[in-house]
Amino acid sequence: MGLVGESGCGKTMTARSLLGLLPAGVEVSSGSIIWQGRQIAGLPERDAIKIRGREIAMISQEPMVALDPLFSVKSQLTRPLRRFRGVGRREARRIALELLRQVGIVDAERVLRCYPHQLSGGMAQRVAIALALTGSPKLLIADETTTALDVTVQAEILSLLRALVAETGMSVLLVSHDLGVVADICDRIAVMYSGQVVEAGTVAEVLEDPYHPYTMALLGANPHVADDAPEPERLAAISGSVPPPGNWPEGCRFADRCQFAASECSVAFEPEPAHVDGMSLCIRTGELRRTGAQWAPEHRGAELAVESEAP
């Protein structure tokens, strides 16, 4: 499952809530989180630690934040292995080597002796993935896992995640700004805006035929001008910024930035069915579909007019 949206839309906060790792002063006030048929929203810490790492694990955006610079890779892998799996030191070391090899590290013996500062970015990310696997989780949350990596290493990490899913049956929640990454690795996608999922469905359906104006705008902002276009086109833009929590309107939270906003968008409404098995949180979904509406680059006509008057 890919979770996408602008910065400030609540993607990471939503992901962290699954683990009970919300920052100080933030708590789940409503709604529910159902895991394996169990309500886990607002669990006491003594119950949350039984799920965290063992059933649900997380890979952070920056591997050097996940890895402690004061401890060797061996120490950081074997300690959780002994806690989660109840094994001795020798067995924990053996499993740690297996995990490092599983994430594509060839020289596992050497890496096990290293400290985080001795590893490259891609190698550190692989170690962070191995660390997340120490508890044999059923769900792995990957929060912008490839953002800080170069393109080649990014492809290797995505290939690794795909292989882990195939080998272990583990599910992955991929939090990302990169729609290309989501299209490459995910089966389903959820588009988030201002703390709400505004569109969901299979990756192919949502990215090829978006229903919600926000999804249209995100796709229009990607630099993917067709090869046969007569001239380069201006990328679509979304004016304004994401409203902060506490300033969310009663109706559509995207209305102030939407090119298709109308008076009916100011009232609360329920999600509309979309795609084969998805949804769209837009009261004008049916109308936009009938008219074939598309998100257009803002102010494009005015800028072209100014250019035509230039000497």
C-alpha atoms as a PDB file:
ATOM      1  CA  MET A   1       0.000   0.000   0.000  1.00  0.00           C
ATOM      2  CA  GLY A   2       1.375   3.378  -1.016  1.00  0.00           C
ATOM      3  CA  LEU A   3       0.460   6.452   1.053  1.00  0.00           C
ATOM      4  CA  VAL A   4       1.122   9.686  -0.847  1.00  0.00           C
ATOM      5  CA  GLY A   5       0.489  13.409  -0.487  1.00  0.00           C
ATOM      6  CA  GLU A   6       2.226  16.729   0.135  1.00  0.00           C
ATOM      7  CA  SER A   7       4.372  17.414   3.182  1.00  0.00           C
ATOM      8  CA  GLY A   8       2.096  18.219   6.101  1.00  0.00           C
ATOM      9  CA  CYS A   9      -0.767  15.995   4.931  1.00  0.00           C
ATOM     10  CA  GLY A  10      -0.379  13.601   7.864  1.00  0.00           C
ATOM     11  CA  LYS A  11       1.279  10.607   6.191  1.00  0.00           C
ATOM     12  CA  THR A  12       4.054  10.066   8.731  1.00  0.00           C
ATOM     13  CA  MET A  13       1.774  10.910  11.658  1.00  0.00           C
ATOM     14  CA  THR A  14      -0.675   8.258  10.448  1.00  0.00           C
ATOM     15  CA  ALA A  15       2.111   5.695  10.048  1.00  0.00           C
ATOM     16  CA  ARG A  16       3.562   6.430  13.487  1.00  0.00           C
ATOM     17  CA  SER A  17       0.141   6.086  15.092  1.00  0.00           C
ATOM     18  CA  LEU A  18       0.115   2.409  14.091  1.00  0.00           C
ATOM     19  CA  LEU A  19       3.092   1.896  16.388  1.00  0.00           C
ATOM     20  CA  GLY A  20       1.933   4.211  19.171  1.00  0.00           C
ATOM     21  CA  LEU A  21       4.910   6.478  18.487  1.00  0.00           C
ATOM     22  CA  LEU A  22       3.140   9.836  18.266  1.00  0.00           C
ATOM     23  CA  PRO A  23       5.147  12.877  19.436  1.00  0.00           C
ATOM     24  CA  ALA A  24       4.605  14.420  22.847  1.00  0.00           C
ATOM     25  CA  GLY A  25       1.305  16.296  23.106  1.00  0.00           C
ATOM     26  CA  VAL A  26      -0.330  14.311  20.276  1.00  0.00           C
ATOM     27  CA  GLU A  27      -2.782  11.460  20.782  1.00  0.00           C
ATOM     28  CA  VAL A  28      -5.486   9.581  18.882  1.00  0.00           C
ATOM     29  CA  SER A  29      -8.729  11.413  19.763  1.00  0.00           C
ATOM     30  CA  SER A  30     -11.171   9.580  17.481  1.00  0.00           C
ATOM     31  CA  GLY A  31     -11.388   6.842  14.881  1.00  0.00           C
ATOM     32  CA  SER A  32      -9.899   3.387  15.113  1.00  0.00           C
ATOM     33  CA  ILE A  33      -6.889   1.296  14.112  1.00  0.00           C
ATOM     34  CA  ILE A  34      -7.806  -2.349  13.587  1.00  0.00           C
ATOM     35  CA  TRP A  35      -4.889  -4.780  13.524  1.00  0.00           C
ATOM     36  CA  GLN A  36      -5.545  -8.509  13.154  1.00  0.00           C
ATOM     37  CA  GLY A  37      -9.123  -7.905  14.311  1.00  0.00           C
ATOM     38  CA  ARG A  38      -7.981  -5.981  17.390  1.00  0.00           C
ATOM     39  CA  GLN A  39      -8.447  -2.316  18.257  1.00  0.00           C
ATOM     40  CA  ILE A  40      -4.958  -0.888  18.871  1.00  0.00           C
ATOM     41  CA  ALA A  41      -5.652   2.854  18.844  1.00  0.00           C
ATOM     42  CA  GLY A  42      -4.674   4.337  22.197  1.00  0.00           C
ATOM     43  CA  LEU A  43      -3.207   1.125  23.614  1.00  0.00           C
ATOM     44  CA  PRO A  44      -1.361   1.458  26.932  1.00  0.00           C
ATOM     45  CA  GLU A  45       2.414   1.356  26.497  1.00  0.00           C
ATOM     46  CA  ARG A  46       2.677  -2.074  28.153  1.00  0.00           C
ATOM     47  CA  ASP A  47       0.407  -3.474  25.409  1.00  0.00           C
ATOM     48  CA  ALA A  48       1.877  -1.411  22.559  1.00  0.00           C
ATOM     49  CA  ILE A  49       5.377  -2.811  23.086  1.00  0.00           C
ATOM     50  CA  LYS A  50       4.004  -6.309  22.443  1.00  0.00           C
ATOM     51  CA  ILE A  51       3.086  -5.219  18.906  1.00  0.00           C
ATOM     52  CA  ARG A  52       5.832  -2.705  18.159  1.00  0.00           C
ATOM     53  CA  GLY A  53       8.760  -4.394  16.425  1.00  0.00           C
ATOM     54  CA  ARG A  54       7.248  -7.847  16.765  1.00  0.00           C
ATOM     55  CA  GLU A  55       4.167  -7.467  14.546  1.00  0.00           C
ATOM     56  CA  ILE A  56       4.563  -3.968  13.073  1.00  0.00           C
ATOM     57  CA  ALA A  57       7.975  -2.441  12.377  1.00  0.00           C
ATOM     58  CA  MET A  58       9.130   0.797  10.792  1.00  0.00           C
ATOM     59  CA  ILE A  59      12.031   1.971   8.631  1.00  0.00           C
ATOM     60  CA  SER A  60      12.650   5.691   9.093  1.00  0.00           C
ATOM     61  CA  GLN A  61      13.398   8.171   6.326  1.00  0.00           C
ATOM     62  CA  GLU A  62      17.001   8.698   7.410  1.00  0.00           C
ATOM     63  CA  PRO A  63      18.963   5.531   8.319  1.00  0.00           C
ATOM     64  CA  MET A  64      21.494   7.466  10.379  1.00  0.00           C
ATOM     65  CA  VAL A  65      18.639   8.484  12.682  1.00  0.00           C
ATOM     66  CA  ALA A  66      17.510   4.873  13.111  1.00  0.00           C
ATOM     67  CA  LEU A  67      21.043   3.647  13.878  1.00  0.00           C
ATOM     68  CA  ASP A  68      22.808   4.693  17.071  1.00  0.00           C
ATOM     69  CA  PRO A  69      26.312   6.036  16.273  1.00  0.00           C
ATOM     70  CA  LEU A  70      27.678   4.793  19.627  1.00  0.00           C
ATOM     71  CA  PHE A  71      27.012   1.110  19.011  1.00  0.00           C
ATOM     72  CA  SER A  72      28.225  -1.357  16.409  1.00  0.00           C
ATOM     73  CA  VAL A  73      25.886  -2.984  13.907  1.00  0.00           C
ATOM     74  CA  LYS A  74      26.333  -6.248  15.805  1.00  0.00           C
ATOM     75  CA  SER A  75      25.124  -4.705  19.049  1.00  0.00           C
ATOM     76  CA  GLN A  76      22.150  -2.986  17.405  1.00  0.00           C
ATOM     77  CA  LEU A  77      20.973  -6.178  15.705  1.00  0.00           C
ATOM     78  CA  THR A  78      21.663  -8.796  18.378  1.00  0.00           C
ATOM     79  CA  ARG A  79      20.046  -6.950  21.270  1.00  0.00           C
ATOM     80  CA  PRO A  80      16.550  -6.784  19.715  1.00  0.00           C
ATOM     81  CA  LEU A  81      16.975 -10.335  18.408  1.00  0.00           C
ATOM     82  CA  ARG A  82      17.590 -11.589  21.938  1.00  0.00           C
ATOM     83  CA  ARG A  83      14.599  -9.624  23.226  1.00  0.00           C
ATOM     84  CA  PHE A  84      12.159 -10.482  20.433  1.00  0.00           C
ATOM     85  CA  ARG A  85      13.148 -14.097  19.782  1.00  0.00           C
ATOM     86  CA  GLY A  86      14.476 -15.132  23.173  1.00  0.00           C
ATOM     87  CA  VAL A  87      17.767 -16.531  21.834  1.00  0.00           C
ATOM     88  CA  GLY A  88      21.294 -16.512  23.240  1.00  0.00           C
ATOM     89  CA  ARG A  89      24.208 -14.362  22.080  1.00  0.00           C
ATOM     90  CA  ARG A  90      25.677 -16.907  19.668  1.00  0.00           C
ATOM     91  CA  GLU A  91      22.307 -17.624  18.025  1.00  0.00           C
ATOM     92  CA  ALA A  92      21.509 -13.900  17.866  1.00  0.00           C
ATOM     93  CA  ARG A  93      24.794 -13.282  16.034  1.00  0.00           C
ATOM     94  CA  ARG A  94      24.021 -16.061  13.564  1.00  0.00           C
ATOM     95  CA  ILE A  95      20.540 -14.655  12.848  1.00  0.00           C
ATOM     96  CA  ALA A  96      22.010 -11.144  12.507  1.00  0.00           C
ATOM     97  CA  LEU A  97      24.370 -12.396   9.795  1.00  0.00           C
ATOM     98  CA  GLU A  98      21.435 -14.085   8.033  1.00  0.00           C
ATOM     99  CA  LEU A  99      19.409 -10.858   8.138  1.00  0.00           C
ATOM    100  CA  LEU A 100      22.296  -8.857   6.681  1.00  0.00           C
ATOM    101  CA  ARG A 101      22.645 -11.354   3.843  1.00  0.00           C
ATOM    102  CA  GLN A 102      18.870 -11.322   3.364  1.00  0.00           C
ATOM    103  CA  VAL A 103      18.958  -7.572   2.747  1.00  0.00           C
ATOM    104  CA  GLY A 104      21.675  -7.966   0.128  1.00  0.00           C
ATOM    105  CA  ILE A 105      24.857  -7.346   2.124  1.00  0.00           C
ATOM    106  CA  VAL A 106      27.542  -9.673   0.771  1.00  0.00           C
ATOM    107  CA  ASP A 107      30.315  -8.990   3.320  1.00  0.00           C
ATOM    108  CA  ALA A 108      28.048  -9.494   6.330  1.00  0.00           C
ATOM    109  CA  GLU A 109      30.878 -10.399   8.754  1.00  0.00           C
ATOM    110  CA  ARG A 110      32.663  -7.093   8.125  1.00  0.00           C
ATOM    111  CA  VAL A 111      29.504  -4.989   8.265  1.00  0.00           C
ATOM    112  CA  LEU A 112      28.508  -6.614  11.546  1.00  0.00           C
ATOM    113  CA  ARG A 113      31.702  -5.199  13.107  1.00  0.00           C
ATOM    114  CA  CYS A 114      31.178  -1.720  11.669  1.00  0.00           C
ATOM    115  CA  TYR A 115      29.740   1.398  13.262  1.00  0.00           C
ATOM    116  CA  PRO A 116      27.075   3.431  11.389  1.00  0.00           C
ATOM    117  CA  HIS A 117      29.512   6.190  10.360  1.00  0.00           C
ATOM    118  CA  GLN A 118      31.590   3.578   8.511  1.00  0.00           C
ATOM    119  CA  LEU A 119      28.703   2.675   6.198  1.00  0.00           C
ATOM    120  CA  SER A 120      27.507   4.321   2.991  1.00  0.00           C
ATOM    121  CA  GLY A 121      23.943   5.638   2.798  1.00  0.00           C
ATOM    122  CA  GLY A 122      22.684   2.626   0.881  1.00  0.00           C
ATOM    123  CA  MET A 123      24.473   0.172   3.184  1.00  0.00           C
ATOM    124  CA  ALA A 124      23.107   1.952   6.275  1.00  0.00           C
ATOM    125  CA  GLN A 125      19.592   1.742   4.843  1.00  0.00           C
ATOM    126  CA  ARG A 126      19.996  -2.005   4.329  1.00  0.00           C
ATOM    127  CA  VAL A 127      21.121  -2.367   7.948  1.00  0.00           C
ATOM    128  CA  ALA A 128      18.085  -0.330   9.047  1.00  0.00           C
ATOM    129  CA  ILE A 129      15.843  -2.723   7.100  1.00  0.00           C
ATOM    130  CA  ALA A 130      17.579  -5.694   8.741  1.00  0.00           C
ATOM    131  CA  LEU A 131      16.984  -4.040  12.120  1.00  0.00           C
ATOM    132  CA  ALA A 132      13.265  -3.706  11.313  1.00  0.00           C
ATOM    133  CA  LEU A 133      13.150  -7.421  10.454  1.00  0.00           C
ATOM    134  CA  THR A 134      14.579  -8.615  13.778  1.00  0.00           C
ATOM    135  CA  GLY A 135      11.089  -9.176  15.191  1.00  0.00           C
ATOM    136  CA  SER A 136       9.746 -10.947  12.070  1.00  0.00           C
ATOM    137  CA  PRO A 137       6.965  -8.345  11.575  1.00  0.00           C
ATOM    138  CA  LYS A 138       3.852  -8.962   9.519  1.00  0.00           C
ATOM    139  CA  LEU A 139       3.666  -5.279   8.507  1.00  0.00           C
ATOM    140  CA  LEU A 140       6.655  -3.113   7.572  1.00  0.00           C
ATOM    141  CA  ILE A 141       6.181   0.666   7.440  1.00  0.00           C
ATOM    142  CA  ALA A 142       8.674   2.259   5.039  1.00  0.00           C
ATOM    143  CA  ASP A 143       8.626   6.034   5.603  1.00  0.00           C
ATOM    144  CA  GLU A 144      10.327   7.751   2.648  1.00  0.00           C
ATOM    145  CA  THR A 145      12.876   4.939   2.696  1.00  0.00           C
ATOM    146  CA  THR A 146      14.545   5.848  -0.598  1.00  0.00           C
ATOM    147  CA  THR A 147      14.341   9.665  -0.483  1.00  0.00           C
ATOM    148  CA  ALA A 148      17.917  10.287   0.680  1.00  0.00           C
ATOM    149  CA  LEU A 149      19.471   7.755  -1.722  1.00  0.00           C
ATOM    150  CA  ASP A 150      20.749   8.138  -5.268  1.00  0.00           C
ATOM    151  CA  VAL A 151      18.768   6.623  -8.119  1.00  0.00           C
ATOM    152  CA  THR A 152      20.828   3.435  -8.438  1.00  0.00           C
ATOM    153  CA  VAL A 153      20.712   2.616  -4.719  1.00  0.00           C
ATOM    154  CA  GLN A 154      17.032   3.575  -4.631  1.00  0.00           C
ATOM    155  CA  ALA A 155      16.279   0.949  -7.281  1.00  0.00           C
ATOM    156  CA  GLU A 156      18.228  -1.652  -5.296  1.00  0.00           C
ATOM    157  CA  ILE A 157      16.282  -0.905  -2.092  1.00  0.00           C
ATOM    158  CA  LEU A 158      12.945  -1.102  -3.927  1.00  0.00           C
ATOM    159  CA  SER A 159      13.976  -4.413  -5.445  1.00  0.00           C
ATOM    160  CA  LEU A 160      14.924  -5.612  -1.952  1.00  0.00           C
ATOM    161  CA  LEU A 161      11.516  -4.645  -0.512  1.00  0.00           C
ATOM    162  CA  ARG A 162       9.776  -6.424  -3.390  1.00  0.00           C
ATOM    163  CA  ALA A 163      11.840  -9.570  -2.753  1.00  0.00           C
ATOM    164  CA  LEU A 164      11.128  -9.487   0.998  1.00  0.00           C
ATOM    165  CA  VAL A 165       7.392  -9.328   0.326  1.00  0.00           C
ATOM    166  CA  ALA A 166       7.629 -12.285  -2.066  1.00  0.00           C
ATOM    167  CA  GLU A 167       9.778 -14.365   0.301  1.00  0.00           C
ATOM    168  CA  THR A 168       8.103 -13.671   3.644  1.00  0.00           C
ATOM    169  CA  GLY A 169       4.524 -12.695   2.769  1.00  0.00           C
ATOM    170  CA  MET A 170       5.032  -9.496   4.759  1.00  0.00           C
ATOM    171  CA  SER A 171       2.896  -6.461   3.928  1.00  0.00           C
ATOM    172  CA  VAL A 172       4.461  -3.029   3.329  1.00  0.00           C
ATOM    173  CA  LEU A 173       3.004   0.432   3.905  1.00  0.00           C
ATOM    174  CA  LEU A 174       5.145   2.742   1.757  1.00  0.00           C
ATOM    175  CA  VAL A 175       4.975   6.434   2.686  1.00  0.00           C
ATOM    176  CA  SER A 176       6.332   8.469  -0.215  1.00  0.00           C
ATOM    177  CA  HIS A 177       6.204  11.693  -2.208  1.00  0.00           C
ATOM    178  CA  ASP A 178       7.443   9.873  -5.291  1.00  0.00           C
ATOM    179  CA  LEU A 179       4.536   8.606  -7.391  1.00  0.00           C
ATOM    180  CA  GLY A 180       7.001   6.767  -9.625  1.00  0.00           C
ATOM    181  CA  VAL A 181       8.253   4.720  -6.675  1.00  0.00           C
ATOM    182  CA  VAL A 182       4.671   3.940  -5.621  1.00  0.00           C
ATOM    183  CA  ALA A 183       3.766   2.907  -9.175  1.00  0.00           C
ATOM    184  CA  ASP A 184       6.807   0.619  -9.285  1.00  0.00           C
ATOM    185  CA  ILE A 185       6.330  -1.312  -6.059  1.00  0.00           C
ATOM    186  CA  CYS A 186       2.767  -0.918  -4.720  1.00  0.00           C
ATOM    187  CA  ASP A 187      -0.481  -2.745  -5.473  1.00  0.00           C
ATOM    188  CA  ARG A 188      -2.827  -0.168  -3.939  1.00  0.00           C
ATOM    189  CA  ILE A 189      -2.550   3.544  -3.217  1.00  0.00           C
ATOM    190  CA  ALA A 190      -4.146   5.971  -0.785  1.00  0.00           C
ATOM    191  CA  VAL A 191      -3.876   9.710  -1.488  1.00  0.00           C
ATOM    192  CA  MET A 192      -3.912  11.791   1.701  1.00  0.00           C
ATOM    193  CA  TYR A 193      -4.688  15.460   2.184  1.00  0.00           C
ATOM    194  CA  SER A 194      -5.064  17.319   5.503  1.00  0.00           C
ATOM    195  CA  GLY A 195      -5.321  14.148   7.534  1.00  0.00           C
ATOM    196  CA  GLN A 196      -7.885  12.491   5.259  1.00  0.00           C
ATOM    197  CA  VAL A 197      -7.628   9.866   2.548  1.00  0.00           C
ATOM    198  CA  VAL A 198      -9.208  11.652  -0.417  1.00  0.00           C
ATOM    199  CA  GLU A 199      -8.806   8.864  -2.997  1.00  0.00           C
ATOM    200  CA  ALA A 200      -7.946   5.176  -2.856  1.00  0.00           C
ATOM    201  CA  GLY A 201      -7.840   2.238  -5.245  1.00  0.00           C
ATOM    202  CA  THR A 202      -5.376   0.105  -7.144  1.00  0.00           C
ATOM    203  CA  VAL A 203      -2.233   1.874  -8.327  1.00  0.00           C
ATOM    204  CA  ALA A 204      -3.112   1.404 -12.008  1.00  0.00           C
ATOM    205  CA  GLU A 205      -6.642   2.791 -11.591  1.00  0.00           C
ATOM    206  CA  VAL A 206      -5.737   5.836  -9.491  1.00  0.00           C
ATOM    207  CA  LEU A 207      -2.632   6.916 -11.419  1.00  0.00           C
ATOM    208  CA  GLU A 208      -4.066   6.286 -14.883  1.00  0.00           C
ATOM    209  CA  ASP A 209      -7.557   7.658 -14.240  1.00  0.00           C
ATOM    210  CA  PRO A 210      -7.706   9.875 -11.101  1.00  0.00           C
ATOM    211  CA  TYR A 211     -11.111  10.866  -9.736  1.00  0.00           C
ATOM    212  CA  HIS A 212     -10.231  13.447  -7.085  1.00  0.00           C
ATOM    213  CA  PRO A 213      -8.977  16.946  -8.087  1.00  0.00           C
ATOM    214  CA  TYR A 214      -6.083  16.682  -5.628  1.00  0.00           C
ATOM    215  CA  THR A 215      -4.855  13.469  -7.252  1.00  0.00           C
ATOM    216  CA  MET A 216      -5.193  15.141 -10.663  1.00  0.00           C
ATOM    217  CA  ALA A 217      -3.091  18.052  -9.396  1.00  0.00           C
ATOM    218  CA  LEU A 218      -0.360  15.796  -7.977  1.00  0.00           C
ATOM    219  CA  LEU A 219      -0.078  13.939 -11.267  1.00  0.00           C
ATOM    220  CA  GLY A 220      -0.124  17.192 -13.241  1.00  0.00           C
ATOM    221  CA  ALA A 221       2.798  18.507 -11.186  1.00  0.00           C
ATOM    222  CA  ASN A 222       5.044  15.650 -12.329  1.00  0.00           C
ATOM    223  CA  PRO A 223       7.536  16.526 -15.105  1.00  0.00           C
ATOM    224  CA  HIS A 224       6.231  13.909 -17.537  1.00  0.00           C
ATOM    225  CA  VAL A 225       5.560  15.893 -20.717  1.00  0.00           C
ATOM    226  CA  ALA A 226       4.743  13.554 -23.593  1.00  0.00           C
ATOM    227  CA  ASP A 227       7.507  12.980 -26.133  1.00  0.00           C
ATOM    228  CA  ASP A 228       5.254  13.985 -29.021  1.00  0.00           C
ATOM    229  CA  ALA A 229       4.116  17.259 -27.413  1.00  0.00           C
ATOM    230  CA  PRO A 230       4.523  20.173 -29.869  1.00  0.00           C
ATOM    231  CA  GLU A 231       6.182  22.319 -27.204  1.00  0.00           C
ATOM    232  CA  PRO A 232       7.062  22.027 -23.506  1.00  0.00           C
ATOM    233  CA  GLU A 233       4.061  22.670 -21.296  1.00  0.00           C
ATOM    234  CA  ARG A 234       4.023  24.422 -17.959  1.00  0.00           C
ATOM    235  CA  LEU A 235       3.579  21.942 -15.121  1.00  0.00           C
ATOM    236  CA  ALA A 236       0.343  22.201 -13.186  1.00  0.00           C
ATOM    237  CA  ALA A 237       0.646  23.832  -9.782  1.00  0.00           C
ATOM    238  CA  ILE A 238      -1.448  23.897  -6.618  1.00  0.00           C
ATOM    239  CA  SER A 239      -1.691  27.388  -5.167  1.00  0.00           C
ATOM    240  CA  GLY A 240      -1.554  27.911  -1.406  1.00  0.00           C
ATOM    241  CA  SER A 241      -0.503  25.366   1.179  1.00  0.00           C
ATOM    242  CA  VAL A 242      -1.925  22.541   3.264  1.00  0.00           C
ATOM    243  CA  PRO A 243      -4.061  23.963   6.117  1.00  0.00           C
ATOM    244  CA  PRO A 244      -2.706  23.068   9.556  1.00  0.00           C
ATOM    245  CA  PRO A 245      -4.738  20.990  12.029  1.00  0.00           C
ATOM    246  CA  GLY A 246      -7.196  23.202  13.841  1.00  0.00           C
ATOM    247  CA  ASN A 247      -7.965  25.221  10.696  1.00  0.00           C
ATOM    248  CA  TRP A 248      -9.658  22.471   8.738  1.00  0.00           C
ATOM    249  CA  PRO A 249     -13.004  23.535   7.196  1.00  0.00           C
ATOM    250  CA  GLU A 250     -16.217  21.613   7.769  1.00  0.00           C
ATOM    251  CA  GLY A 251     -16.568  20.621   4.118  1.00  0.00           C
ATOM    252  CA  CYS A 252     -13.851  19.742   1.636  1.00  0.00           C
ATOM    253  CA  ARG A 253     -10.442  20.540   3.082  1.00  0.00           C
ATOM    254  CA  PHE A 254      -9.012  21.004  -0.408  1.00  0.00           C
ATOM    255  CA  ALA A 255     -11.700  23.468  -1.560  1.00  0.00           C
ATOM    256  CA  ASP A 256      -9.618  26.643  -0.985  1.00  0.00           C
ATOM    257  CA  ARG A 257      -6.977  25.355  -3.423  1.00  0.00           C
ATOM    258  CA  CYS A 258      -9.214  23.512  -5.884  1.00  0.00           C
ATOM    259  CA  GLN A 259      -9.919  24.779  -9.413  1.00  0.00           C
ATOM    260  CA  PHE A 260     -13.297  23.012  -9.386  1.00  0.00           C
ATOM    261  CA  ALA A 261     -14.573  24.215  -5.978  1.00  0.00           C
ATOM    262  CA  ALA A 262     -18.262  25.196  -5.799  1.00  0.00           C
ATOM    263  CA  SER A 263     -20.722  26.196  -3.078  1.00  0.00           C
ATOM    264  CA  GLU A 264     -21.676  22.591  -2.317  1.00  0.00           C
ATOM    265  CA  CYS A 265     -18.053  21.848  -1.357  1.00  0.00           C
ATOM    266  CA  SER A 266     -18.476  23.820   1.906  1.00  0.00           C
ATOM    267  CA  VAL A 267     -20.744  21.211   3.534  1.00  0.00           C
ATOM    268  CA  ALA A 268     -19.776  17.854   5.023  1.00  0.00           C
ATOM    269  CA  PHE A 269     -20.276  14.829   2.750  1.00  0.00           C
ATOM    270  CA  GLU A 270     -19.506  11.129   2.535  1.00  0.00           C
ATOM    271  CA  PRO A 271     -16.923   9.480   0.227  1.00  0.00           C
ATOM    272  CA  GLU A 272     -18.103   8.474  -3.242  1.00  0.00           C
ATOM    273  CA  PRO A 273     -17.383   5.004  -4.662  1.00  0.00           C
ATOM    274  CA  ALA A 274     -14.559   5.141  -7.193  1.00  0.00           C
ATOM    275  CA  HIS A 275     -12.720   2.688  -9.429  1.00  0.00           C
ATOM    276  CA  VAL A 276     -13.487  -1.020  -8.950  1.00  0.00           C
ATOM    277  CA  ASP A 277     -12.933  -1.121  -5.191  1.00  0.00           C
ATOM    278  CA  GLY A 278     -11.944   2.380  -4.089  1.00  0.00           C
ATOM    279  CA  MET A 279     -13.250   5.777  -3.051  1.00  0.00           C
ATOM    280  CA  SER A 280     -13.061   9.493  -3.787  1.00  0.00           C
ATOM    281  CA  LEU A 281     -13.752  12.157  -1.154  1.00  0.00           C
ATOM    282  CA  CYS A 282     -15.185  14.730  -3.573  1.00  0.00           C
ATOM    283  CA  ILE A 283     -18.843  15.751  -3.743  1.00  0.00           C
ATOM    284  CA  ARG A 284     -18.439  16.660  -7.430  1.00  0.00           C
ATOM    285  CA  THR A 285     -16.808  13.371  -8.493  1.00  0.00           C
ATOM    286  CA  GLY A 286     -19.696  12.341 -10.774  1.00  0.00           C
ATOM    287  CA  GLU A 287     -19.953  15.769 -12.413  1.00  0.00           C
ATOM    288  CA  LEU A 288     -16.216  16.031 -13.032  1.00  0.00           C
ATOM    289  CA  ARG A 289     -16.239  12.566 -14.570  1.00  0.00           C
ATOM    290  CA  ARG A 290     -19.123  13.420 -16.916  1.00  0.00           C
ATOM    291  CA  THR A 291     -17.495  16.629 -18.129  1.00  0.00           C
ATOM    292  CA  GLY A 292     -14.007  15.124 -18.468  1.00  0.00           C
ATOM    293  CA  ALA A 293     -12.492  17.846 -16.253  1.00  0.00           C
ATOM    294  CA  GLN A 294      -8.700  17.979 -16.007  1.00  0.00           C
ATOM    295  CA  TRP A 295      -6.453  20.000 -13.733  1.00  0.00           C
ATOM    296  CA  ALA A 296      -4.885  22.822 -15.765  1.00  0.00           C
ATOM    297  CA  PRO A 297      -1.706  24.856 -15.158  1.00  0.00           C
ATOM    298  CA  GLU A 298      -2.793  28.024 -13.367  1.00  0.00           C
ATOM    299  CA  HIS A 299      -2.177  31.453 -14.964  1.00  0.00           C
ATOM    300  CA  ARG A 300      -0.740  29.791 -18.043  1.00  0.00           C
ATOM    301  CA  GLY A 301      -2.801  31.885 -20.432  1.00  0.00           C
ATOM    302  CA  ALA A 302      -1.774  35.158 -18.780  1.00  0.00           C
ATOM    303  CA  GLU A 303       1.903  34.288 -18.939  1.00  0.00           C
ATOM    304  CA  LEU A 304       1.672  33.347 -22.620  1.00  0.00           C
ATOM    305  CA  ALA A 305      -0.052  36.656 -23.331  1.00  0.00           C
ATOM    306  CA  VAL A 306       2.792  38.587 -21.683  1.00  0.00           C
ATOM    307  CA  GLU A 307       5.372  36.619 -23.635  1.00  0.00           C
ATOM    308  CA  SER A 308       3.627  37.374 -26.952  1.00  0.00           C
ATOM    309  CA  GLU A 309       3.847  41.128 -26.291  1.00  0.00           C
ATOM    310  CA  ALA A 310       7.587  41.050 -25.669  1.00  0.00           C
ATOM    311  CA  PRO A 311       9.742  42.670 -28.415  1.00  0.00           C
END
